[in-house]
Amino acid sequence: MTRTGAYFTNSNLAELYRVPIGNNGRLGSAVQTIALKPPYAQGSGFNVNGIDATANGRWLVIVQSNTGKLFRVNPSTGATVEITLGGQDVMRGDGILLDGKTLYVVQNTLNKIAVIRLNPALTTGRVVTHIQDTRFAVPTTIDDLGRRLYAVNARFGSPPATTDYQVVQVRKPNGS
């Protein structure tokens, strides 16, 4: 979400969607399609999933689940820049949360959250730690409130009619 739009991913196509937000928070009726440009490259399987925006709305950050790559995206043009992680990756990245220059990436079936420090230009990052918790059961999305993170368990593979779903609360690591 930014002041002027809500952005969504499509894991099967190399594009994002923007729903404009007008005065008084009114949603626009025309959905804009934003084609992702190289170096982002669509692959087989589940691609772009998590998305968040910088506080000023200038950039979007996305994760490509099947490659473990992160990208900075210009929301007006779809131009991408890979955020290099120095040989590391965030495979199975799903929901993400950008908190200043700290990025939290939920790695769903790995049952962990990568904590990444980004440079000011959002072009490089470093995985500083992983948050793991025995209560994680395929977490897929994340949010925060104060010093705590909240991850939602999707529990993929469990029968929906008999499955309890949870929101797992964990502390943010010191310094994030």
N, C-alpha and C. Protein backbone atom coordinates (compact mmCIF):
# COMPACT_ATOMS: atom_id res chain seq x y z
N MET A 1 0.84 -1.19 0.00
CA MET A 1 0.00 0.00 0.00
C MET A 1 0.88 1.24 0.00
N THR A 2 0.49 2.20 -0.81
CA THR A 2 1.09 3.53 -0.75
C THR A 2 -0.05 4.52 -0.61
N ARG A 3 0.27 5.78 -0.55
CA ARG A 3 -0.80 6.79 -0.44
C ARG A 3 -1.67 6.84 -1.69
N THR A 4 -1.10 6.41 -2.82
CA THR A 4 -1.82 6.55 -4.09
C THR A 4 -2.25 5.24 -4.72
N GLY A 5 -1.88 4.09 -4.11
CA GLY A 5 -2.28 2.84 -4.73
C GLY A 5 -2.03 1.62 -3.86
N ALA A 6 -2.78 0.57 -4.17
CA ALA A 6 -2.58 -0.75 -3.56
C ALA A 6 -2.01 -1.64 -4.65
N TYR A 7 -0.92 -2.35 -4.35
CA TYR A 7 -0.21 -3.15 -5.34
C TYR A 7 -0.36 -4.63 -5.01
N PHE A 8 -0.46 -5.44 -6.06
CA PHE A 8 -0.66 -6.89 -5.92
C PHE A 8 0.24 -7.62 -6.90
N THR A 9 0.64 -8.83 -6.53
CA THR A 9 1.49 -9.65 -7.40
C THR A 9 0.64 -10.68 -8.13
N ASN A 10 1.25 -11.25 -9.16
CA ASN A 10 0.68 -12.40 -9.88
C ASN A 10 1.81 -13.41 -9.99
N SER A 11 1.69 -14.51 -9.29
CA SER A 11 2.77 -15.49 -9.24
C SER A 11 2.94 -16.25 -10.55
N ASN A 12 1.99 -16.12 -11.46
CA ASN A 12 2.03 -16.86 -12.72
C ASN A 12 2.38 -16.01 -13.93
N LEU A 13 2.41 -14.70 -13.78
CA LEU A 13 2.75 -13.79 -14.88
C LEU A 13 3.73 -12.74 -14.38
N ALA A 14 4.55 -12.21 -15.28
CA ALA A 14 5.56 -11.20 -14.92
C ALA A 14 4.92 -9.82 -14.90
N GLU A 15 3.98 -9.65 -13.98
CA GLU A 15 3.30 -8.37 -13.88
C GLU A 15 2.77 -8.15 -12.47
N LEU A 16 2.60 -6.88 -12.15
CA LEU A 16 1.99 -6.44 -10.90
C LEU A 16 0.71 -5.72 -11.27
N TYR A 17 -0.14 -5.49 -10.26
CA TYR A 17 -1.38 -4.76 -10.47
C TYR A 17 -1.46 -3.64 -9.45
N ARG A 18 -2.02 -2.53 -9.91
CA ARG A 18 -2.18 -1.36 -9.04
C ARG A 18 -3.64 -0.92 -9.07
N VAL A 19 -4.22 -0.81 -7.89
CA VAL A 19 -5.55 -0.23 -7.73
C VAL A 19 -5.33 1.16 -7.18
N PRO A 20 -5.70 2.21 -7.94
CA PRO A 20 -5.46 3.57 -7.44
C PRO A 20 -6.29 3.88 -6.20
N ILE A 21 -5.70 4.71 -5.34
CA ILE A 21 -6.39 5.21 -4.16
C ILE A 21 -6.48 6.71 -4.31
N GLY A 22 -7.70 7.22 -4.29
CA GLY A 22 -7.92 8.65 -4.49
C GLY A 22 -8.14 9.37 -3.17
N ASN A 23 -8.72 10.54 -3.29
CA ASN A 23 -9.03 11.36 -2.12
C ASN A 23 -9.92 10.59 -1.15
N ASN A 24 -9.70 10.83 0.12
CA ASN A 24 -10.47 10.19 1.19
C ASN A 24 -10.38 8.67 1.17
N GLY A 25 -9.32 8.13 0.57
CA GLY A 25 -9.11 6.69 0.56
C GLY A 25 -10.00 5.92 -0.38
N ARG A 26 -10.64 6.59 -1.30
CA ARG A 26 -11.53 5.90 -2.24
C ARG A 26 -10.71 5.12 -3.26
N LEU A 27 -11.13 3.88 -3.49
CA LEU A 27 -10.46 3.04 -4.47
C LEU A 27 -10.93 3.39 -5.88
N GLY A 28 -9.98 3.44 -6.79
CA GLY A 28 -10.32 3.68 -8.19
C GLY A 28 -10.92 2.43 -8.80
N SER A 29 -11.58 2.58 -9.92
CA SER A 29 -12.23 1.43 -10.55
C SER A 29 -11.36 0.78 -11.61
N ALA A 30 -10.38 1.49 -12.14
CA ALA A 30 -9.52 0.94 -13.19
C ALA A 30 -8.25 0.34 -12.58
N VAL A 31 -8.05 -0.94 -12.80
CA VAL A 31 -6.85 -1.61 -12.32
C VAL A 31 -5.77 -1.47 -13.38
N GLN A 32 -4.59 -1.03 -12.96
CA GLN A 32 -3.46 -0.84 -13.87
C GLN A 32 -2.59 -2.09 -13.81
N THR A 33 -2.16 -2.58 -14.98
CA THR A 33 -1.22 -3.69 -15.06
C THR A 33 0.17 -3.12 -15.30
N ILE A 34 1.13 -3.57 -14.51
CA ILE A 34 2.52 -3.10 -14.60
C ILE A 34 3.38 -4.29 -14.98
N ALA A 35 3.90 -4.31 -16.21
CA ALA A 35 4.77 -5.40 -16.65
C ALA A 35 6.14 -5.27 -16.00
N LEU A 36 6.64 -6.36 -15.44
CA LEU A 36 7.97 -6.36 -14.84
C LEU A 36 9.03 -6.49 -15.93
N LYS A 37 10.02 -5.61 -15.88
CA LYS A 37 11.07 -5.57 -16.89
C LYS A 37 12.34 -6.22 -16.35
N PRO A 38 13.24 -6.66 -17.27
CA PRO A 38 14.51 -7.25 -16.84
C PRO A 38 15.29 -6.28 -15.97
N PRO A 39 16.08 -6.82 -15.05
CA PRO A 39 16.60 -8.19 -15.03
C PRO A 39 15.64 -9.23 -14.46
N TYR A 40 14.47 -8.84 -13.95
CA TYR A 40 13.52 -9.86 -13.51
C TYR A 40 13.20 -10.75 -14.71
N ALA A 41 13.16 -12.06 -14.48
CA ALA A 41 12.81 -13.02 -15.51
C ALA A 41 11.87 -14.05 -14.93
N GLN A 42 10.73 -14.20 -15.56
CA GLN A 42 9.73 -15.18 -15.13
C GLN A 42 10.27 -16.59 -15.37
N GLY A 43 10.11 -17.46 -14.39
CA GLY A 43 10.54 -18.84 -14.52
C GLY A 43 9.36 -19.78 -14.40
N SER A 44 9.64 -21.06 -14.39
CA SER A 44 8.57 -22.02 -14.20
C SER A 44 8.21 -22.09 -12.71
N GLY A 45 7.01 -22.49 -12.45
CA GLY A 45 6.58 -22.62 -11.06
C GLY A 45 6.05 -21.31 -10.49
N PHE A 46 6.14 -21.21 -9.19
CA PHE A 46 5.59 -20.07 -8.43
C PHE A 46 6.63 -18.95 -8.42
N ASN A 47 6.32 -17.81 -8.97
CA ASN A 47 7.27 -16.70 -9.13
C ASN A 47 7.06 -15.62 -8.09
N VAL A 48 6.77 -14.40 -8.52
CA VAL A 48 6.65 -13.26 -7.60
C VAL A 48 5.47 -13.48 -6.66
N ASN A 49 5.75 -13.26 -5.39
CA ASN A 49 4.71 -13.46 -4.40
C ASN A 49 4.63 -12.26 -3.46
N GLY A 50 5.56 -12.12 -2.53
CA GLY A 50 5.50 -11.03 -1.56
C GLY A 50 5.81 -9.69 -2.18
N ILE A 51 5.19 -8.65 -1.63
CA ILE A 51 5.39 -7.28 -2.11
C ILE A 51 5.20 -6.31 -0.95
N ASP A 52 6.03 -5.28 -0.93
CA ASP A 52 5.84 -4.18 0.01
C ASP A 52 6.40 -2.92 -0.64
N ALA A 53 6.04 -1.78 -0.09
CA ALA A 53 6.47 -0.49 -0.63
C ALA A 53 7.29 0.26 0.40
N THR A 54 8.20 1.10 -0.10
CA THR A 54 8.91 1.98 0.82
C THR A 54 7.91 2.97 1.40
N ALA A 55 8.26 3.56 2.52
CA ALA A 55 7.34 4.47 3.21
C ALA A 55 6.88 5.62 2.32
N ASN A 56 7.77 6.10 1.44
CA ASN A 56 7.40 7.22 0.56
C ASN A 56 6.76 6.76 -0.75
N GLY A 57 6.64 5.45 -0.96
CA GLY A 57 6.00 4.92 -2.16
C GLY A 57 6.86 4.98 -3.41
N ARG A 58 8.13 5.38 -3.26
CA ARG A 58 8.99 5.51 -4.44
C ARG A 58 9.34 4.15 -5.05
N TRP A 59 9.52 3.13 -4.21
CA TRP A 59 9.92 1.81 -4.68
C TRP A 59 9.02 0.73 -4.10
N LEU A 60 8.91 -0.37 -4.85
CA LEU A 60 8.31 -1.59 -4.35
C LEU A 60 9.44 -2.61 -4.21
N VAL A 61 9.29 -3.52 -3.29
CA VAL A 61 10.22 -4.64 -3.14
C VAL A 61 9.40 -5.91 -3.31
N ILE A 62 9.90 -6.84 -4.15
CA ILE A 62 9.21 -8.10 -4.38
C ILE A 62 10.18 -9.26 -4.17
N VAL A 63 9.62 -10.43 -3.87
CA VAL A 63 10.42 -11.64 -3.75
C VAL A 63 9.93 -12.64 -4.80
N GLN A 64 10.87 -13.30 -5.45
CA GLN A 64 10.56 -14.35 -6.42
C GLN A 64 10.76 -15.68 -5.71
N SER A 65 9.66 -16.35 -5.41
CA SER A 65 9.68 -17.55 -4.57
C SER A 65 10.55 -18.67 -5.13
N ASN A 66 10.47 -18.92 -6.44
CA ASN A 66 11.15 -20.07 -7.02
C ASN A 66 12.65 -19.87 -7.23
N THR A 67 13.14 -18.63 -7.16
CA THR A 67 14.57 -18.38 -7.32
C THR A 67 15.22 -17.87 -6.04
N GLY A 68 14.41 -17.39 -5.12
CA GLY A 68 14.94 -16.82 -3.88
C GLY A 68 15.54 -15.44 -4.07
N LYS A 69 15.20 -14.78 -5.20
CA LYS A 69 15.74 -13.45 -5.48
C LYS A 69 14.78 -12.35 -5.03
N LEU A 70 15.37 -11.21 -4.69
CA LEU A 70 14.62 -10.00 -4.35
C LEU A 70 14.85 -8.97 -5.44
N PHE A 71 13.85 -8.12 -5.67
CA PHE A 71 13.95 -7.06 -6.66
C PHE A 71 13.35 -5.77 -6.13
N ARG A 72 14.00 -4.67 -6.49
CA ARG A 72 13.43 -3.34 -6.29
C ARG A 72 12.70 -3.01 -7.59
N VAL A 73 11.50 -2.47 -7.48
CA VAL A 73 10.67 -2.20 -8.66
C VAL A 73 10.24 -0.74 -8.66
N ASN A 74 10.36 -0.10 -9.82
CA ASN A 74 9.80 1.23 -10.02
C ASN A 74 8.31 1.03 -10.26
N PRO A 75 7.44 1.54 -9.39
CA PRO A 75 6.01 1.26 -9.53
C PRO A 75 5.37 1.94 -10.74
N SER A 76 6.02 2.94 -11.32
CA SER A 76 5.46 3.61 -12.49
C SER A 76 5.80 2.89 -13.79
N THR A 77 7.01 2.30 -13.85
CA THR A 77 7.48 1.73 -15.12
C THR A 77 7.63 0.22 -15.11
N GLY A 78 7.71 -0.40 -13.96
CA GLY A 78 7.96 -1.84 -13.88
C GLY A 78 9.43 -2.20 -14.00
N ALA A 79 10.31 -1.18 -14.12
CA ALA A 79 11.75 -1.44 -14.19
C ALA A 79 12.20 -2.09 -12.89
N THR A 80 13.05 -3.13 -13.00
CA THR A 80 13.51 -3.85 -11.82
C THR A 80 15.02 -3.78 -11.68
N VAL A 81 15.47 -3.89 -10.44
CA VAL A 81 16.88 -4.01 -10.10
C VAL A 81 16.96 -5.15 -9.10
N GLU A 82 17.82 -6.14 -9.38
CA GLU A 82 17.96 -7.22 -8.41
C GLU A 82 18.66 -6.70 -7.16
N ILE A 83 18.12 -7.06 -6.01
CA ILE A 83 18.75 -6.75 -4.74
C ILE A 83 19.67 -7.93 -4.43
N THR A 84 20.96 -7.74 -4.62
CA THR A 84 21.90 -8.85 -4.44
C THR A 84 22.11 -9.13 -2.95
N LEU A 85 22.22 -10.40 -2.65
CA LEU A 85 22.36 -10.84 -1.25
C LEU A 85 23.69 -11.52 -0.99
N GLY A 86 24.70 -11.20 -1.79
CA GLY A 86 26.03 -11.74 -1.55
C GLY A 86 26.09 -13.25 -1.55
N GLY A 87 25.40 -13.87 -2.49
CA GLY A 87 25.42 -15.33 -2.59
C GLY A 87 24.34 -16.03 -1.78
N GLN A 88 23.63 -15.31 -0.96
CA GLN A 88 22.52 -15.90 -0.20
C GLN A 88 21.23 -15.78 -1.01
N ASP A 89 20.18 -16.45 -0.56
CA ASP A 89 18.89 -16.34 -1.22
C ASP A 89 17.78 -16.46 -0.18
N VAL A 90 16.57 -16.23 -0.62
CA VAL A 90 15.39 -16.39 0.24
C VAL A 90 14.39 -17.29 -0.49
N MET A 91 14.86 -18.52 -0.80
CA MET A 91 14.01 -19.51 -1.46
C MET A 91 12.70 -19.67 -0.72
N ARG A 92 11.66 -19.87 -1.50
CA ARG A 92 10.30 -20.04 -1.00
C ARG A 92 9.80 -18.80 -0.28
N GLY A 93 10.38 -17.65 -0.68
CA GLY A 93 9.93 -16.38 -0.11
C GLY A 93 8.46 -16.16 -0.42
N ASP A 94 7.75 -15.69 0.54
CA ASP A 94 6.30 -15.51 0.41
C ASP A 94 5.99 -14.08 0.86
N GLY A 95 5.31 -13.90 1.95
CA GLY A 95 5.01 -12.56 2.42
C GLY A 95 6.26 -11.82 2.85
N ILE A 96 6.29 -10.51 2.63
CA ILE A 96 7.43 -9.71 3.06
C ILE A 96 6.93 -8.48 3.79
N LEU A 97 7.83 -7.94 4.61
CA LEU A 97 7.54 -6.72 5.36
C LEU A 97 8.79 -5.86 5.33
N LEU A 98 8.66 -4.66 4.80
CA LEU A 98 9.76 -3.71 4.74
C LEU A 98 9.57 -2.71 5.87
N ASP A 99 10.54 -2.67 6.78
CA ASP A 99 10.49 -1.78 7.93
C ASP A 99 11.76 -0.93 7.89
N GLY A 100 11.68 0.23 7.22
CA GLY A 100 12.87 1.05 7.00
C GLY A 100 13.80 0.31 6.07
N LYS A 101 15.00 0.02 6.54
CA LYS A 101 15.98 -0.73 5.73
C LYS A 101 16.11 -2.18 6.19
N THR A 102 15.16 -2.63 7.01
CA THR A 102 15.11 -4.03 7.40
C THR A 102 13.96 -4.69 6.65
N LEU A 103 14.28 -5.80 5.99
CA LEU A 103 13.28 -6.55 5.24
C LEU A 103 13.10 -7.91 5.90
N TYR A 104 11.86 -8.27 6.18
CA TYR A 104 11.53 -9.57 6.71
C TYR A 104 10.89 -10.37 5.57
N VAL A 105 11.42 -11.56 5.30
CA VAL A 105 10.91 -12.41 4.23
C VAL A 105 10.48 -13.74 4.84
N VAL A 106 9.19 -14.03 4.75
CA VAL A 106 8.67 -15.31 5.22
C VAL A 106 9.05 -16.37 4.19
N GLN A 107 9.72 -17.42 4.63
CA GLN A 107 10.08 -18.54 3.76
C GLN A 107 9.16 -19.70 4.13
N ASN A 108 8.03 -19.75 3.43
CA ASN A 108 6.87 -20.55 3.84
C ASN A 108 7.17 -21.99 4.24
N THR A 109 7.48 -22.88 3.30
CA THR A 109 7.66 -24.29 3.66
C THR A 109 8.97 -24.56 4.40
N LEU A 110 9.83 -23.56 4.48
CA LEU A 110 11.04 -23.69 5.29
C LEU A 110 10.77 -23.30 6.75
N ASN A 111 9.58 -22.76 7.01
CA ASN A 111 9.14 -22.39 8.36
C ASN A 111 10.12 -21.46 9.06
N LYS A 112 10.50 -20.40 8.35
CA LYS A 112 11.37 -19.40 8.96
C LYS A 112 11.15 -18.05 8.31
N ILE A 113 11.68 -17.03 8.97
CA ILE A 113 11.63 -15.65 8.48
C ILE A 113 13.06 -15.16 8.37
N ALA A 114 13.46 -14.77 7.15
CA ALA A 114 14.79 -14.19 6.95
C ALA A 114 14.73 -12.72 7.32
N VAL A 115 15.74 -12.25 8.05
CA VAL A 115 15.87 -10.84 8.41
C VAL A 115 17.03 -10.29 7.61
N ILE A 116 16.75 -9.30 6.77
CA ILE A 116 17.73 -8.78 5.83
C ILE A 116 17.94 -7.30 6.05
N ARG A 117 19.21 -6.89 6.12
CA ARG A 117 19.57 -5.47 6.18
C ARG A 117 19.84 -5.01 4.76
N LEU A 118 19.16 -3.97 4.33
CA LEU A 118 19.30 -3.42 2.98
C LEU A 118 20.12 -2.15 3.00
N ASN A 119 20.83 -1.91 1.91
CA ASN A 119 21.53 -0.63 1.79
C ASN A 119 20.51 0.47 1.45
N PRO A 120 20.87 1.75 1.59
CA PRO A 120 19.90 2.83 1.36
C PRO A 120 19.28 2.84 -0.04
N ALA A 121 20.02 2.36 -1.06
CA ALA A 121 19.50 2.37 -2.43
C ALA A 121 18.63 1.14 -2.74
N LEU A 122 18.53 0.22 -1.79
CA LEU A 122 17.79 -1.03 -1.97
C LEU A 122 18.32 -1.84 -3.15
N THR A 123 19.65 -1.91 -3.25
CA THR A 123 20.27 -2.69 -4.32
C THR A 123 21.09 -3.85 -3.80
N THR A 124 21.45 -3.81 -2.52
CA THR A 124 22.15 -4.93 -1.90
C THR A 124 21.57 -5.16 -0.51
N GLY A 125 21.76 -6.37 -0.03
CA GLY A 125 21.29 -6.71 1.29
C GLY A 125 22.12 -7.84 1.85
N ARG A 126 21.91 -8.08 3.13
CA ARG A 126 22.63 -9.14 3.82
C ARG A 126 21.67 -9.81 4.79
N VAL A 127 21.54 -11.14 4.67
CA VAL A 127 20.72 -11.88 5.63
C VAL A 127 21.48 -11.90 6.95
N VAL A 128 20.92 -11.25 7.97
CA VAL A 128 21.62 -11.16 9.25
C VAL A 128 21.21 -12.26 10.22
N THR A 129 20.02 -12.80 10.06
CA THR A 129 19.56 -13.89 10.91
C THR A 129 18.30 -14.49 10.31
N HIS A 130 17.88 -15.60 10.88
CA HIS A 130 16.60 -16.22 10.56
C HIS A 130 15.83 -16.38 11.86
N ILE A 131 14.55 -16.12 11.80
CA ILE A 131 13.67 -16.35 12.95
C ILE A 131 12.98 -17.68 12.70
N GLN A 132 13.13 -18.60 13.67
CA GLN A 132 12.46 -19.88 13.58
C GLN A 132 11.66 -20.10 14.85
N ASP A 133 10.55 -20.79 14.70
CA ASP A 133 9.67 -21.04 15.84
C ASP A 133 8.95 -22.35 15.59
N THR A 134 8.87 -23.19 16.60
CA THR A 134 8.21 -24.49 16.44
C THR A 134 6.73 -24.35 16.10
N ARG A 135 6.15 -23.19 16.33
CA ARG A 135 4.73 -22.98 16.02
C ARG A 135 4.50 -22.65 14.54
N PHE A 136 5.57 -22.35 13.78
CA PHE A 136 5.39 -22.08 12.36
C PHE A 136 4.92 -23.34 11.65
N ALA A 137 3.87 -23.21 10.84
CA ALA A 137 3.33 -24.31 10.04
C ALA A 137 2.99 -23.75 8.67
N VAL A 138 4.02 -23.52 7.89
CA VAL A 138 3.96 -22.90 6.57
C VAL A 138 3.39 -21.48 6.66
N PRO A 139 4.13 -20.59 7.33
CA PRO A 139 3.69 -19.19 7.38
C PRO A 139 3.78 -18.57 5.99
N THR A 140 2.81 -17.71 5.68
CA THR A 140 2.76 -17.14 4.33
C THR A 140 2.71 -15.62 4.28
N THR A 141 2.36 -14.99 5.35
CA THR A 141 2.30 -13.53 5.33
C THR A 141 2.73 -13.02 6.69
N ILE A 142 3.04 -11.71 6.73
CA ILE A 142 3.64 -11.15 7.93
C ILE A 142 3.24 -9.69 8.10
N ASP A 143 3.16 -9.27 9.34
CA ASP A 143 2.97 -7.86 9.67
C ASP A 143 3.64 -7.63 11.02
N ASP A 144 3.65 -6.39 11.43
CA ASP A 144 4.27 -6.09 12.72
C ASP A 144 3.45 -5.08 13.49
N LEU A 145 3.75 -5.02 14.76
CA LEU A 145 3.22 -4.00 15.65
C LEU A 145 4.27 -3.83 16.73
N GLY A 146 4.88 -2.65 16.75
CA GLY A 146 5.93 -2.40 17.73
C GLY A 146 7.10 -3.34 17.55
N ARG A 147 7.48 -4.02 18.62
CA ARG A 147 8.65 -4.91 18.61
C ARG A 147 8.29 -6.36 18.28
N ARG A 148 7.09 -6.57 17.78
CA ARG A 148 6.65 -7.93 17.50
C ARG A 148 6.28 -8.11 16.03
N LEU A 149 6.52 -9.33 15.54
CA LEU A 149 6.11 -9.74 14.20
C LEU A 149 4.97 -10.73 14.34
N TYR A 150 4.09 -10.74 13.36
CA TYR A 150 2.96 -11.66 13.35
C TYR A 150 2.94 -12.39 12.02
N ALA A 151 3.13 -13.71 12.05
CA ALA A 151 3.14 -14.53 10.85
C ALA A 151 1.90 -15.41 10.85
N VAL A 152 1.24 -15.49 9.69
CA VAL A 152 0.02 -16.27 9.56
C VAL A 152 0.37 -17.64 8.97
N ASN A 153 -0.01 -18.70 9.65
CA ASN A 153 0.22 -20.06 9.17
C ASN A 153 -0.84 -20.45 8.15
N ALA A 154 -0.42 -20.87 6.96
CA ALA A 154 -1.36 -21.32 5.93
C ALA A 154 -1.66 -22.81 6.09
N ARG A 155 -0.70 -23.56 6.65
CA ARG A 155 -0.87 -24.99 6.89
C ARG A 155 -1.21 -25.74 5.61
N PHE A 156 -0.50 -25.40 4.51
CA PHE A 156 -0.70 -26.10 3.24
C PHE A 156 -0.61 -27.59 3.45
N GLY A 157 -1.46 -28.33 2.77
CA GLY A 157 -1.45 -29.79 2.87
C GLY A 157 -2.38 -30.33 3.94
N SER A 158 -2.92 -29.46 4.78
CA SER A 158 -3.86 -29.89 5.81
C SER A 158 -5.28 -29.74 5.28
N PRO A 159 -6.18 -30.65 5.61
CA PRO A 159 -7.57 -30.52 5.12
C PRO A 159 -8.24 -29.28 5.73
N PRO A 160 -8.74 -28.36 4.89
CA PRO A 160 -9.30 -27.10 5.41
C PRO A 160 -10.42 -27.26 6.43
N ALA A 161 -11.26 -28.25 6.26
CA ALA A 161 -12.42 -28.39 7.16
C ALA A 161 -12.02 -28.75 8.58
N THR A 162 -10.84 -29.35 8.75
CA THR A 162 -10.44 -29.80 10.08
C THR A 162 -9.18 -29.09 10.59
N THR A 163 -8.75 -28.07 9.90
CA THR A 163 -7.50 -27.41 10.24
C THR A 163 -7.74 -26.12 11.00
N ASP A 164 -7.04 -25.97 12.13
CA ASP A 164 -7.04 -24.70 12.84
C ASP A 164 -5.89 -23.87 12.28
N TYR A 165 -6.13 -22.61 12.07
CA TYR A 165 -5.11 -21.70 11.55
C TYR A 165 -4.69 -20.77 12.67
N GLN A 166 -3.42 -20.38 12.66
CA GLN A 166 -2.92 -19.53 13.74
C GLN A 166 -2.16 -18.34 13.19
N VAL A 167 -2.12 -17.33 14.03
CA VAL A 167 -1.20 -16.21 13.85
C VAL A 167 -0.15 -16.39 14.94
N VAL A 168 1.10 -16.46 14.52
CA VAL A 168 2.19 -16.69 15.46
C VAL A 168 2.90 -15.37 15.73
N GLN A 169 3.01 -15.02 16.99
CA GLN A 169 3.69 -13.80 17.40
C GLN A 169 5.12 -14.13 17.82
N VAL A 170 6.08 -13.40 17.24
CA VAL A 170 7.49 -13.54 17.62
C VAL A 170 8.08 -12.16 17.82
N ARG A 171 9.14 -12.10 18.59
CA ARG A 171 9.84 -10.82 18.81
C ARG A 171 10.74 -10.51 17.64
N LYS A 172 10.83 -9.22 17.32
CA LYS A 172 11.83 -8.78 16.34
C LYS A 172 13.21 -8.97 16.97
N PRO A 173 14.19 -9.37 16.15
CA PRO A 173 15.54 -9.48 16.71
C PRO A 173 16.04 -8.13 17.18
N ASN A 174 16.94 -8.11 18.14
CA ASN A 174 17.53 -6.86 18.62
C ASN A 174 18.20 -6.15 17.46
N GLY A 175 18.02 -4.86 17.40
CA GLY A 175 18.65 -4.05 16.36
C GLY A 175 17.85 -3.97 15.09
N SER A 176 16.67 -4.62 15.01
CA SER A 176 15.89 -4.50 13.78
C SER A 176 14.65 -3.67 14.00
